[in-house]
Amino acid sequence: MSVPTPFLPAAETAPAFAMGVPVMFLPDALQACVEAGTCWQQEIARFVDRRLAETLRCWQAVSAARDVAGLVKAQQDWSVKAAADYAEEARRMQQLVTTLSLTGTTPAVQESARLLG
């Protein structure tokens, strides 16, 4: 039993194909991938920056603590803030992935289109 192959037009009547996609669409696809990757990296960098700043603030609180209760309070504050930050980041990443997968564009591109349209 043979597996049917998808129909590809003759080379002289159709644009060149790369992995079954017309080459003329590849620049747009690459641009969309670059924008999505950039948006993803910016979101991760923003989160890491915020968490590092919060950890620094916690270490400053720990170093300023004068007793065990102060140490426990600083650690507890850090834990609660970290849990909230990670939950919020998971929500933001889920929203980003959903937006990218449903629309194929980043939120920044959608906002620009909304402002122009």
PDB file of N, CA and C in Angstrom:
ATOM      1  N   MET A   1       0.850  -1.173   0.000  1.00  0.00           N
ATOM      2  CA  MET A   1       0.000   0.000   0.000  1.00  0.00           C
ATOM      3  C   MET A   1       0.891   1.230   0.000  1.00  0.00           C
ATOM      4  N   SER A   2       0.648   2.125  -0.901  1.00  0.00           N
ATOM      5  CA  SER A   2       1.467   3.328  -0.976  1.00  0.00           C
ATOM      6  C   SER A   2       0.725   4.495  -0.323  1.00  0.00           C
ATOM      7  N   VAL A   3       1.523   5.402   0.211  1.00  0.00           N
ATOM      8  CA  VAL A   3       0.974   6.595   0.847  1.00  0.00           C
ATOM      9  C   VAL A   3       0.866   7.676  -0.206  1.00  0.00           C
ATOM     10  N   PRO A   4      -0.330   8.284  -0.369  1.00  0.00           N
ATOM     11  CA  PRO A   4      -0.458   9.324  -1.395  1.00  0.00           C
ATOM     12  C   PRO A   4       0.367  10.552  -1.019  1.00  0.00           C
ATOM     13  N   THR A   5       0.971  11.142  -2.021  1.00  0.00           N
ATOM     14  CA  THR A   5       1.752  12.353  -1.794  1.00  0.00           C
ATOM     15  C   THR A   5       0.896  13.556  -2.139  1.00  0.00           C
ATOM     16  N   PRO A   6       1.090  14.664  -1.435  1.00  0.00           N
ATOM     17  CA  PRO A   6       0.288  15.850  -1.748  1.00  0.00           C
ATOM     18  C   PRO A   6       0.625  16.369  -3.141  1.00  0.00           C
ATOM     19  N   PHE A   7      -0.360  16.916  -3.785  1.00  0.00           N
ATOM     20  CA  PHE A   7      -0.169  17.456  -5.123  1.00  0.00           C
ATOM     21  C   PHE A   7       0.641  18.737  -5.050  1.00  0.00           C
ATOM     22  N   LEU A   8       1.691  18.807  -5.818  1.00  0.00           N
ATOM     23  CA  LEU A   8       2.478  20.024  -5.958  1.00  0.00           C
ATOM     24  C   LEU A   8       2.459  20.407  -7.424  1.00  0.00           C
ATOM     25  N   PRO A   9       2.124  21.664  -7.730  1.00  0.00           N
ATOM     26  CA  PRO A   9       2.062  22.084  -9.129  1.00  0.00           C
ATOM     27  C   PRO A   9       3.430  21.991  -9.807  1.00  0.00           C
ATOM     28  N   ALA A  10       3.402  21.964 -11.106  1.00  0.00           N
ATOM     29  CA  ALA A  10       4.641  21.924 -11.878  1.00  0.00           C
ATOM     30  C   ALA A  10       5.457  23.171 -11.584  1.00  0.00           C
ATOM     31  N   ALA A  11       6.766  23.029 -11.603  1.00  0.00           N
ATOM     32  CA  ALA A  11       7.669  24.125 -11.237  1.00  0.00           C
ATOM     33  C   ALA A  11       7.485  25.350 -12.123  1.00  0.00           C
ATOM     34  N   GLU A  12       7.144  25.140 -13.381  1.00  0.00           N
ATOM     35  CA  GLU A  12       7.033  26.292 -14.275  1.00  0.00           C
ATOM     36  C   GLU A  12       5.711  27.043 -14.102  1.00  0.00           C
ATOM     37  N   THR A  13       4.728  26.457 -13.427  1.00  0.00           N
ATOM     38  CA  THR A  13       3.431  27.128 -13.276  1.00  0.00           C
ATOM     39  C   THR A  13       3.152  27.611 -11.858  1.00  0.00           C
ATOM     40  N   ALA A  14       4.037  27.316 -10.930  1.00  0.00           N
ATOM     41  CA  ALA A  14       3.774  27.682  -9.537  1.00  0.00           C
ATOM     42  C   ALA A  14       5.038  28.244  -8.896  1.00  0.00           C
ATOM     43  N   PRO A  15       4.865  28.986  -7.799  1.00  0.00           N
ATOM     44  CA  PRO A  15       6.043  29.486  -7.093  1.00  0.00           C
ATOM     45  C   PRO A  15       6.824  28.322  -6.494  1.00  0.00           C
ATOM     46  N   ALA A  16       8.070  28.593  -6.199  1.00  0.00           N
ATOM     47  CA  ALA A  16       8.893  27.561  -5.579  1.00  0.00           C
ATOM     48  C   ALA A  16       8.305  27.201  -4.215  1.00  0.00           C
ATOM     49  N   PHE A  17       8.477  25.947  -3.819  1.00  0.00           N
ATOM     50  CA  PHE A  17       7.937  25.468  -2.556  1.00  0.00           C
ATOM     51  C   PHE A  17       9.076  25.066  -1.631  1.00  0.00           C
ATOM     52  N   ALA A  18       8.910  25.333  -0.361  1.00  0.00           N
ATOM     53  CA  ALA A  18       9.833  24.870   0.673  1.00  0.00           C
ATOM     54  C   ALA A  18       8.992  24.188   1.734  1.00  0.00           C
ATOM     55  N   MET A  19       9.173  22.917   1.874  1.00  0.00           N
ATOM     56  CA  MET A  19       8.403  22.106   2.818  1.00  0.00           C
ATOM     57  C   MET A  19       6.894  22.264   2.585  1.00  0.00           C
ATOM     58  N   GLY A  20       6.473  22.343   1.340  1.00  0.00           N
ATOM     59  CA  GLY A  20       5.061  22.423   1.003  1.00  0.00           C
ATOM     60  C   GLY A  20       4.463  23.812   1.116  1.00  0.00           C
ATOM     61  N   VAL A  21       5.257  24.823   1.453  1.00  0.00           N
ATOM     62  CA  VAL A  21       4.767  26.196   1.593  1.00  0.00           C
ATOM     63  C   VAL A  21       5.372  27.043   0.480  1.00  0.00           C
ATOM     64  N   PRO A  22       4.545  27.814  -0.219  1.00  0.00           N
ATOM     65  CA  PRO A  22       5.118  28.682  -1.260  1.00  0.00           C
ATOM     66  C   PRO A  22       6.172  29.607  -0.654  1.00  0.00           C
ATOM     67  N   VAL A  23       7.293  29.726  -1.334  1.00  0.00           N
ATOM     68  CA  VAL A  23       8.419  30.522  -0.843  1.00  0.00           C
ATOM     69  C   VAL A  23       8.013  31.976  -0.633  1.00  0.00           C
ATOM     70  N   MET A  24       7.058  32.466  -1.404  1.00  0.00           N
ATOM     71  CA  MET A  24       6.660  33.861  -1.251  1.00  0.00           C
ATOM     72  C   MET A  24       6.056  34.142   0.122  1.00  0.00           C
ATOM     73  N   PHE A  25       5.582  33.118   0.843  1.00  0.00           N
ATOM     74  CA  PHE A  25       5.018  33.310   2.179  1.00  0.00           C
ATOM     75  C   PHE A  25       6.067  33.193   3.284  1.00  0.00           C
ATOM     76  N   LEU A  26       7.244  32.687   2.958  1.00  0.00           N
ATOM     77  CA  LEU A  26       8.260  32.472   3.982  1.00  0.00           C
ATOM     78  C   LEU A  26       8.733  33.752   4.679  1.00  0.00           C
ATOM     79  N   PRO A  27       8.961  34.870   3.980  1.00  0.00           N
ATOM     80  CA  PRO A  27       9.381  36.082   4.705  1.00  0.00           C
ATOM     81  C   PRO A  27       8.365  36.519   5.760  1.00  0.00           C
ATOM     82  N   ASP A  28       7.069  36.444   5.437  1.00  0.00           N
ATOM     83  CA  ASP A  28       6.044  36.808   6.405  1.00  0.00           C
ATOM     84  C   ASP A  28       6.043  35.837   7.587  1.00  0.00           C
ATOM     85  N   ALA A  29       6.205  34.570   7.302  1.00  0.00           N
ATOM     86  CA  ALA A  29       6.230  33.565   8.363  1.00  0.00           C
ATOM     87  C   ALA A  29       7.451  33.763   9.262  1.00  0.00           C
ATOM     88  N   LEU A  30       8.601  34.030   8.639  1.00  0.00           N
ATOM     89  CA  LEU A  30       9.808  34.273   9.427  1.00  0.00           C
ATOM     90  C   LEU A  30       9.668  35.526  10.280  1.00  0.00           C
ATOM     91  N   GLN A  31       9.094  36.574   9.718  1.00  0.00           N
ATOM     92  CA  GLN A  31       8.875  37.810  10.474  1.00  0.00           C
ATOM     93  C   GLN A  31       7.958  37.545  11.664  1.00  0.00           C
ATOM     94  N   ALA A  32       6.891  36.781  11.470  1.00  0.00           N
ATOM     95  CA  ALA A  32       5.978  36.457  12.560  1.00  0.00           C
ATOM     96  C   ALA A  32       6.694  35.646  13.639  1.00  0.00           C
ATOM     97  N   CYS A  33       7.555  34.709  13.232  1.00  0.00           N
ATOM     98  CA  CYS A  33       8.309  33.906  14.204  1.00  0.00           C
ATOM     99  C   CYS A  33       9.286  34.769  14.991  1.00  0.00           C
ATOM    100  N   VAL A  34       9.954  35.686  14.311  1.00  0.00           N
ATOM    101  CA  VAL A  34      10.897  36.580  14.988  1.00  0.00           C
ATOM    102  C   VAL A  34      10.159  37.461  15.987  1.00  0.00           C
ATOM    103  N   GLU A  35       9.018  38.021  15.593  1.00  0.00           N
ATOM    104  CA  GLU A  35       8.233  38.864  16.490  1.00  0.00           C
ATOM    105  C   GLU A  35       7.740  38.067  17.699  1.00  0.00           C
ATOM    106  N   ALA A  36       7.273  36.848  17.465  1.00  0.00           N
ATOM    107  CA  ALA A  36       6.794  36.017  18.567  1.00  0.00           C
ATOM    108  C   ALA A  36       7.939  35.665  19.510  1.00  0.00           C
ATOM    109  N   GLY A  37       9.094  35.312  18.954  1.00  0.00           N
ATOM    110  CA  GLY A  37      10.254  34.993  19.795  1.00  0.00           C
ATOM    111  C   GLY A  37      10.724  36.190  20.589  1.00  0.00           C
ATOM    112  N   THR A  38      10.713  37.358  19.963  1.00  0.00           N
ATOM    113  CA  THR A  38      11.111  38.585  20.654  1.00  0.00           C
ATOM    114  C   THR A  38      10.142  38.904  21.785  1.00  0.00           C
ATOM    115  N   CYS A  39       8.862  38.774  21.514  1.00  0.00           N
ATOM    116  CA  CYS A  39       7.849  39.032  22.542  1.00  0.00           C
ATOM    117  C   CYS A  39       8.017  38.063  23.715  1.00  0.00           C
ATOM    118  N   TRP A  40       8.257  36.807  23.403  1.00  0.00           N
ATOM    119  CA  TRP A  40       8.474  35.774  24.435  1.00  0.00           C
ATOM    120  C   TRP A  40       9.694  36.122  25.283  1.00  0.00           C
ATOM    121  N   GLN A  41      10.807  36.477  24.627  1.00  0.00           N
ATOM    122  CA  GLN A  41      12.033  36.825  25.352  1.00  0.00           C
ATOM    123  C   GLN A  41      11.844  38.070  26.206  1.00  0.00           C
ATOM    124  N   GLN A  42      11.132  39.062  25.694  1.00  0.00           N
ATOM    125  CA  GLN A  42      10.893  40.273  26.474  1.00  0.00           C
ATOM    126  C   GLN A  42      10.070  39.973  27.717  1.00  0.00           C
ATOM    127  N   GLU A  43       9.089  39.113  27.576  1.00  0.00           N
ATOM    128  CA  GLU A  43       8.258  38.757  28.733  1.00  0.00           C
ATOM    129  C   GLU A  43       9.087  38.018  29.781  1.00  0.00           C
ATOM    130  N   ILE A  44       9.923  37.093  29.345  1.00  0.00           N
ATOM    131  CA  ILE A  44      10.769  36.355  30.292  1.00  0.00           C
ATOM    132  C   ILE A  44      11.760  37.300  30.960  1.00  0.00           C
ATOM    133  N   ALA A  45      12.369  38.186  30.191  1.00  0.00           N
ATOM    134  CA  ALA A  45      13.333  39.145  30.755  1.00  0.00           C
ATOM    135  C   ALA A  45      12.657  40.066  31.768  1.00  0.00           C
ATOM    136  N   ARG A  46      11.447  40.508  31.466  1.00  0.00           N
ATOM    137  CA  ARG A  46      10.707  41.367  32.389  1.00  0.00           C
ATOM    138  C   ARG A  46      10.440  40.634  33.705  1.00  0.00           C
ATOM    139  N   PHE A  47      10.020  39.378  33.600  1.00  0.00           N
ATOM    140  CA  PHE A  47       9.729  38.596  34.800  1.00  0.00           C
ATOM    141  C   PHE A  47      10.990  38.354  35.626  1.00  0.00           C
ATOM    142  N   VAL A  48      12.071  37.955  34.962  1.00  0.00           N
ATOM    143  CA  VAL A  48      13.325  37.688  35.680  1.00  0.00           C
ATOM    144  C   VAL A  48      13.828  38.957  36.361  1.00  0.00           C
ATOM    145  N   ASP A  49      13.747  40.072  35.664  1.00  0.00           N
ATOM    146  CA  ASP A  49      14.178  41.339  36.247  1.00  0.00           C
ATOM    147  C   ASP A  49      13.369  41.674  37.494  1.00  0.00           C
ATOM    148  N   ARG A  50      12.068  41.508  37.408  1.00  0.00           N
ATOM    149  CA  ARG A  50      11.212  41.796  38.563  1.00  0.00           C
ATOM    150  C   ARG A  50      11.490  40.855  39.735  1.00  0.00           C
ATOM    151  N   ARG A  51      11.688  39.575  39.435  1.00  0.00           N
ATOM    152  CA  ARG A  51      11.954  38.606  40.517  1.00  0.00           C
ATOM    153  C   ARG A  51      13.319  38.864  41.154  1.00  0.00           C
ATOM    154  N   LEU A  52      14.323  39.204  40.355  1.00  0.00           N
ATOM    155  CA  LEU A  52      15.635  39.516  40.927  1.00  0.00           C
ATOM    156  C   LEU A  52      15.565  40.746  41.832  1.00  0.00           C
ATOM    157  N   ALA A  53      14.823  41.752  41.413  1.00  0.00           N
ATOM    158  CA  ALA A  53      14.659  42.948  42.249  1.00  0.00           C
ATOM    159  C   ALA A  53      13.953  42.596  43.554  1.00  0.00           C
ATOM    160  N   GLU A  54      12.964  41.731  43.480  1.00  0.00           N
ATOM    161  CA  GLU A  54      12.242  41.319  44.691  1.00  0.00           C
ATOM    162  C   GLU A  54      13.148  40.486  45.608  1.00  0.00           C
ATOM    163  N   THR A  55      13.967  39.636  45.042  1.00  0.00           N
ATOM    164  CA  THR A  55      14.899  38.841  45.846  1.00  0.00           C
ATOM    165  C   THR A  55      15.927  39.740  46.524  1.00  0.00           C
ATOM    166  N   LEU A  56      16.420  40.736  45.806  1.00  0.00           N
ATOM    167  CA  LEU A  56      17.343  41.705  46.413  1.00  0.00           C
ATOM    168  C   LEU A  56      16.679  42.431  47.573  1.00  0.00           C
ATOM    169  N   ARG A  57      15.426  42.857  47.370  1.00  0.00           N
ATOM    170  CA  ARG A  57      14.702  43.528  48.437  1.00  0.00           C
ATOM    171  C   ARG A  57      14.549  42.613  49.651  1.00  0.00           C
ATOM    172  N   CYS A  58      14.293  41.339  49.393  1.00  0.00           N
ATOM    173  CA  CYS A  58      14.160  40.374  50.492  1.00  0.00           C
ATOM    174  C   CYS A  58      15.475  40.215  51.241  1.00  0.00           C
ATOM    175  N   TRP A  59      16.592  40.102  50.508  1.00  0.00           N
ATOM    176  CA  TRP A  59      17.890  39.959  51.166  1.00  0.00           C
ATOM    177  C   TRP A  59      18.231  41.196  51.987  1.00  0.00           C
ATOM    178  N   GLN A  60      17.830  42.353  51.517  1.00  0.00           N
ATOM    179  CA  GLN A  60      18.041  43.565  52.304  1.00  0.00           C
ATOM    180  C   GLN A  60      17.215  43.529  53.580  1.00  0.00           C
ATOM    181  N   ALA A  61      15.985  43.026  53.491  1.00  0.00           N
ATOM    182  CA  ALA A  61      15.141  42.889  54.679  1.00  0.00           C
ATOM    183  C   ALA A  61      15.722  41.862  55.644  1.00  0.00           C
ATOM    184  N   VAL A  62      16.261  40.761  55.107  1.00  0.00           N
ATOM    185  CA  VAL A  62      16.882  39.731  55.961  1.00  0.00           C
ATOM    186  C   VAL A  62      18.105  40.303  56.667  1.00  0.00           C
ATOM    187  N   SER A  63      18.922  41.051  55.947  1.00  0.00           N
ATOM    188  CA  SER A  63      20.132  41.605  56.567  1.00  0.00           C
ATOM    189  C   SER A  63      19.802  42.695  57.587  1.00  0.00           C
ATOM    190  N   ALA A  64      18.643  43.323  57.450  1.00  0.00           N
ATOM    191  CA  ALA A  64      18.249  44.358  58.402  1.00  0.00           C
ATOM    192  C   ALA A  64      17.492  43.789  59.596  1.00  0.00           C
ATOM    193  N   ALA A  65      17.099  42.517  59.519  1.00  0.00           N
ATOM    194  CA  ALA A  65      16.327  41.916  60.619  1.00  0.00           C
ATOM    195  C   ALA A  65      17.179  41.830  61.876  1.00  0.00           C
ATOM    196  N   ARG A  66      16.561  42.102  62.997  1.00  0.00           N
ATOM    197  CA  ARG A  66      17.265  42.095  64.284  1.00  0.00           C
ATOM    198  C   ARG A  66      16.950  40.877  65.136  1.00  0.00           C
ATOM    199  N   ASP A  67      15.966  40.096  64.718  1.00  0.00           N
ATOM    200  CA  ASP A  67      15.607  38.903  65.497  1.00  0.00           C
ATOM    201  C   ASP A  67      15.031  37.831  64.568  1.00  0.00           C
ATOM    202  N   VAL A  68      14.722  36.683  65.130  1.00  0.00           N
ATOM    203  CA  VAL A  68      14.207  35.554  64.346  1.00  0.00           C
ATOM    204  C   VAL A  68      12.851  35.906  63.737  1.00  0.00           C
ATOM    205  N   ALA A  69      12.031  36.633  64.474  1.00  0.00           N
ATOM    206  CA  ALA A  69      10.713  37.013  63.953  1.00  0.00           C
ATOM    207  C   ALA A  69      10.865  37.874  62.694  1.00  0.00           C
ATOM    208  N   GLY A  70      11.835  38.761  62.674  1.00  0.00           N
ATOM    209  CA  GLY A  70      12.086  39.586  61.496  1.00  0.00           C
ATOM    210  C   GLY A  70      12.555  38.756  60.312  1.00  0.00           C
ATOM    211  N   LEU A  71      13.398  37.748  60.572  1.00  0.00           N
ATOM    212  CA  LEU A  71      13.854  36.846  59.513  1.00  0.00           C
ATOM    213  C   LEU A  71      12.696  36.053  58.922  1.00  0.00           C
ATOM    214  N   VAL A  72      11.855  35.516  59.816  1.00  0.00           N
ATOM    215  CA  VAL A  72      10.712  34.722  59.367  1.00  0.00           C
ATOM    216  C   VAL A  72       9.751  35.597  58.563  1.00  0.00           C
ATOM    217  N   LYS A  73       9.522  36.818  59.021  1.00  0.00           N
ATOM    218  CA  LYS A  73       8.630  37.744  58.315  1.00  0.00           C
ATOM    219  C   LYS A  73       9.175  38.056  56.923  1.00  0.00           C
ATOM    220  N   ALA A  74      10.471  38.317  56.802  1.00  0.00           N
ATOM    221  CA  ALA A  74      11.076  38.609  55.496  1.00  0.00           C
ATOM    222  C   ALA A  74      10.950  37.408  54.558  1.00  0.00           C
ATOM    223  N   GLN A  75      11.210  36.221  55.079  1.00  0.00           N
ATOM    224  CA  GLN A  75      11.107  35.005  54.270  1.00  0.00           C
ATOM    225  C   GLN A  75       9.661  34.764  53.863  1.00  0.00           C
ATOM    226  N   GLN A  76       8.731  34.984  54.772  1.00  0.00           N
ATOM    227  CA  GLN A  76       7.321  34.780  54.468  1.00  0.00           C
ATOM    228  C   GLN A  76       6.847  35.779  53.405  1.00  0.00           C
ATOM    229  N   ASP A  77       7.241  37.030  53.547  1.00  0.00           N
ATOM    230  CA  ASP A  77       6.873  38.039  52.551  1.00  0.00           C
ATOM    231  C   ASP A  77       7.409  37.663  51.176  1.00  0.00           C
ATOM    232  N   TRP A  78       8.673  37.202  51.141  1.00  0.00           N
ATOM    233  CA  TRP A  78       9.272  36.793  49.877  1.00  0.00           C
ATOM    234  C   TRP A  78       8.508  35.620  49.271  1.00  0.00           C
ATOM    235  N   SER A  79       8.166  34.637  50.087  1.00  0.00           N
ATOM    236  CA  SER A  79       7.458  33.444  49.591  1.00  0.00           C
ATOM    237  C   SER A  79       6.089  33.796  49.025  1.00  0.00           C
ATOM    238  N   VAL A  80       5.359  34.630  49.730  1.00  0.00           N
ATOM    239  CA  VAL A  80       4.024  35.018  49.260  1.00  0.00           C
ATOM    240  C   VAL A  80       4.132  35.800  47.956  1.00  0.00           C
ATOM    241  N   LYS A  81       5.070  36.730  47.884  1.00  0.00           N
ATOM    242  CA  LYS A  81       5.264  37.536  46.671  1.00  0.00           C
ATOM    243  C   LYS A  81       5.723  36.651  45.510  1.00  0.00           C
ATOM    244  N   ALA A  82       6.632  35.716  45.772  1.00  0.00           N
ATOM    245  CA  ALA A  82       7.113  34.816  44.712  1.00  0.00           C
ATOM    246  C   ALA A  82       5.968  33.966  44.171  1.00  0.00           C
ATOM    247  N   ALA A  83       5.147  33.414  45.053  1.00  0.00           N
ATOM    248  CA  ALA A  83       4.019  32.592  44.603  1.00  0.00           C
ATOM    249  C   ALA A  83       3.056  33.416  43.746  1.00  0.00           C
ATOM    250  N   ALA A  84       2.769  34.639  44.174  1.00  0.00           N
ATOM    251  CA  ALA A  84       1.873  35.506  43.405  1.00  0.00           C
ATOM    252  C   ALA A  84       2.495  35.875  42.065  1.00  0.00           C
ATOM    253  N   ASP A  85       3.792  36.186  42.061  1.00  0.00           N
ATOM    254  CA  ASP A  85       4.472  36.555  40.815  1.00  0.00           C
ATOM    255  C   ASP A  85       4.497  35.396  39.823  1.00  0.00           C
ATOM    256  N   TYR A  86       4.793  34.183  40.294  1.00  0.00           N
ATOM    257  CA  TYR A  86       4.831  33.029  39.402  1.00  0.00           C
ATOM    258  C   TYR A  86       3.440  32.703  38.858  1.00  0.00           C
ATOM    259  N   ALA A  87       2.414  32.833  39.689  1.00  0.00           N
ATOM    260  CA  ALA A  87       1.047  32.594  39.210  1.00  0.00           C
ATOM    261  C   ALA A  87       0.666  33.630  38.157  1.00  0.00           C
ATOM    262  N   GLU A  88       0.996  34.893  38.403  1.00  0.00           N
ATOM    263  CA  GLU A  88       0.710  35.955  37.438  1.00  0.00           C
ATOM    264  C   GLU A  88       1.489  35.736  36.144  1.00  0.00           C
ATOM    265  N   GLU A  89       2.741  35.325  36.257  1.00  0.00           N
ATOM    266  CA  GLU A  89       3.544  35.092  35.047  1.00  0.00           C
ATOM    267  C   GLU A  89       3.001  33.915  34.250  1.00  0.00           C
ATOM    268  N   ALA A  90       2.556  32.882  34.933  1.00  0.00           N
ATOM    269  CA  ALA A  90       1.949  31.744  34.226  1.00  0.00           C
ATOM    270  C   ALA A  90       0.707  32.204  33.463  1.00  0.00           C
ATOM    271  N   ARG A  91      -0.087  33.071  34.063  1.00  0.00           N
ATOM    272  CA  ARG A  91      -1.267  33.602  33.395  1.00  0.00           C
ATOM    273  C   ARG A  91      -0.864  34.445  32.176  1.00  0.00           C
ATOM    274  N   ARG A  92       0.152  35.293  32.346  1.00  0.00           N
ATOM    275  CA  ARG A  92       0.610  36.145  31.242  1.00  0.00           C
ATOM    276  C   ARG A  92       1.179  35.306  30.094  1.00  0.00           C
ATOM    277  N   MET A  93       1.948  34.274  30.409  1.00  0.00           N
ATOM    278  CA  MET A  93       2.521  33.418  29.366  1.00  0.00           C
ATOM    279  C   MET A  93       1.423  32.630  28.654  1.00  0.00           C
ATOM    280  N   GLN A  94       0.440  32.153  29.405  1.00  0.00           N
ATOM    281  CA  GLN A  94      -0.679  31.439  28.798  1.00  0.00           C
ATOM    282  C   GLN A  94      -1.434  32.371  27.863  1.00  0.00           C
ATOM    283  N   GLN A  95      -1.645  33.607  28.283  1.00  0.00           N
ATOM    284  CA  GLN A  95      -2.325  34.591  27.443  1.00  0.00           C
ATOM    285  C   GLN A  95      -1.498  34.888  26.186  1.00  0.00           C
ATOM    286  N   LEU A  96      -0.190  35.007  26.339  1.00  0.00           N
ATOM    287  CA  LEU A  96       0.684  35.267  25.191  1.00  0.00           C
ATOM    288  C   LEU A  96       0.635  34.113  24.195  1.00  0.00           C
ATOM    289  N   VAL A  97       0.748  32.891  24.687  1.00  0.00           N
ATOM    290  CA  VAL A  97       0.715  31.714  23.806  1.00  0.00           C
ATOM    291  C   VAL A  97      -0.642  31.614  23.112  1.00  0.00           C
ATOM    292  N   THR A  98      -1.707  31.858  23.857  1.00  0.00           N
ATOM    293  CA  THR A  98      -3.042  31.808  23.253  1.00  0.00           C
ATOM    294  C   THR A  98      -3.182  32.870  22.167  1.00  0.00           C
ATOM    295  N   THR A  99      -2.729  34.078  22.452  1.00  0.00           N
ATOM    296  CA  THR A  99      -2.806  35.158  21.468  1.00  0.00           C
ATOM    297  C   THR A  99      -2.000  34.819  20.222  1.00  0.00           C
ATOM    298  N   LEU A 100      -0.783  34.324  20.419  1.00  0.00           N
ATOM    299  CA  LEU A 100       0.056  33.981  19.269  1.00  0.00           C
ATOM    300  C   LEU A 100      -0.539  32.841  18.453  1.00  0.00           C
ATOM    301  N   SER A 101      -1.097  31.844  19.132  1.00  0.00           N
ATOM    302  CA  SER A 101      -1.610  30.686  18.402  1.00  0.00           C
ATOM    303  C   SER A 101      -2.936  30.983  17.705  1.00  0.00           C
ATOM    304  N   LEU A 102      -3.763  31.853  18.289  1.00  0.00           N
ATOM    305  CA  LEU A 102      -5.060  32.148  17.672  1.00  0.00           C
ATOM    306  C   LEU A 102      -4.980  33.206  16.587  1.00  0.00           C
ATOM    307  N   THR A 103      -4.102  34.176  16.757  1.00  0.00           N
ATOM    308  CA  THR A 103      -4.055  35.283  15.799  1.00  0.00           C
ATOM    309  C   THR A 103      -2.811  35.270  14.935  1.00  0.00           C
ATOM    310  N   GLY A 104      -1.747  34.646  15.405  1.00  0.00           N
ATOM    311  CA  GLY A 104      -0.495  34.628  14.657  1.00  0.00           C
ATOM    312  C   GLY A 104       0.299  35.903  14.796  1.00  0.00           C
ATOM    313  N   THR A 105      -0.163  36.806  15.643  1.00  0.00           N
ATOM    314  CA  THR A 105       0.559  38.054  15.855  1.00  0.00           C
ATOM    315  C   THR A 105       0.743  38.307  17.341  1.00  0.00           C
ATOM    316  N   THR A 106       1.686  39.150  17.644  1.00  0.00           N
ATOM    317  CA  THR A 106       1.964  39.491  19.037  1.00  0.00           C
ATOM    318  C   THR A 106       0.962  40.528  19.529  1.00  0.00           C
ATOM    319  N   PRO A 107       0.811  40.667  20.838  1.00  0.00           N
ATOM    320  CA  PRO A 107      -0.081  41.699  21.365  1.00  0.00           C
ATOM    321  C   PRO A 107       0.302  43.107  20.906  1.00  0.00           C
ATOM    322  N   ALA A 108       1.588  43.383  20.757  1.00  0.00           N
ATOM    323  CA  ALA A 108       2.018  44.711  20.298  1.00  0.00           C
ATOM    324  C   ALA A 108       1.534  44.976  18.877  1.00  0.00           C
ATOM    325  N   VAL A 109       1.611  43.974  18.012  1.00  0.00           N
ATOM    326  CA  VAL A 109       1.139  44.127  16.630  1.00  0.00           C
ATOM    327  C   VAL A 109      -0.374  44.328  16.624  1.00  0.00           C
ATOM    328  N   GLN A 110      -1.084  43.583  17.455  1.00  0.00           N
ATOM    329  CA  GLN A 110      -2.533  43.733  17.529  1.00  0.00           C
ATOM    330  C   GLN A 110      -2.913  45.136  18.005  1.00  0.00           C
ATOM    331  N   GLU A 111      -2.197  45.650  18.997  1.00  0.00           N
ATOM    332  CA  GLU A 111      -2.472  46.991  19.504  1.00  0.00           C
ATOM    333  C   GLU A 111      -2.200  48.030  18.418  1.00  0.00           C
ATOM    334  N   SER A 112      -1.114  47.876  17.677  1.00  0.00           N
ATOM    335  CA  SER A 112      -0.820  48.806  16.580  1.00  0.00           C
ATOM    336  C   SER A 112      -1.911  48.764  15.523  1.00  0.00           C
ATOM    337  N   ALA A 113      -2.352  47.579  15.184  1.00  0.00           N
ATOM    338  CA  ALA A 113      -3.414  47.436  14.187  1.00  0.00           C
ATOM    339  C   ALA A 113      -4.712  48.059  14.692  1.00  0.00           C
ATOM    340  N   ARG A 114      -4.989  47.888  15.966  1.00  0.00           N
ATOM    341  CA  ARG A 114      -6.194  48.481  16.555  1.00  0.00           C
ATOM    342  C   ARG A 114      -6.132  50.000  16.488  1.00  0.00           C
ATOM    343  N   LEU A 115      -4.966  50.575  16.781  1.00  0.00           N
ATOM    344  CA  LEU A 115      -4.809  52.027  16.749  1.00  0.00           C
ATOM    345  C   LEU A 115      -4.919  52.579  15.330  1.00  0.00           C
ATOM    346  N   LEU A 116      -4.417  51.810  14.358  1.00  0.00           N
ATOM    347  CA  LEU A 116      -4.453  52.260  12.971  1.00  0.00           C
ATOM    348  C   LEU A 116      -5.811  52.051  12.312  1.00  0.00           C
ATOM    349  N   GLY A 117      -6.521  51.022  12.770  1.00  0.00           N
ATOM    350  CA  GLY A 117      -7.765  50.642  12.123  1.00  0.00           C
ATOM    351  C   GLY A 117      -8.933  51.294  12.700  1.00  0.00           C
TER     352      GLY A 117
END
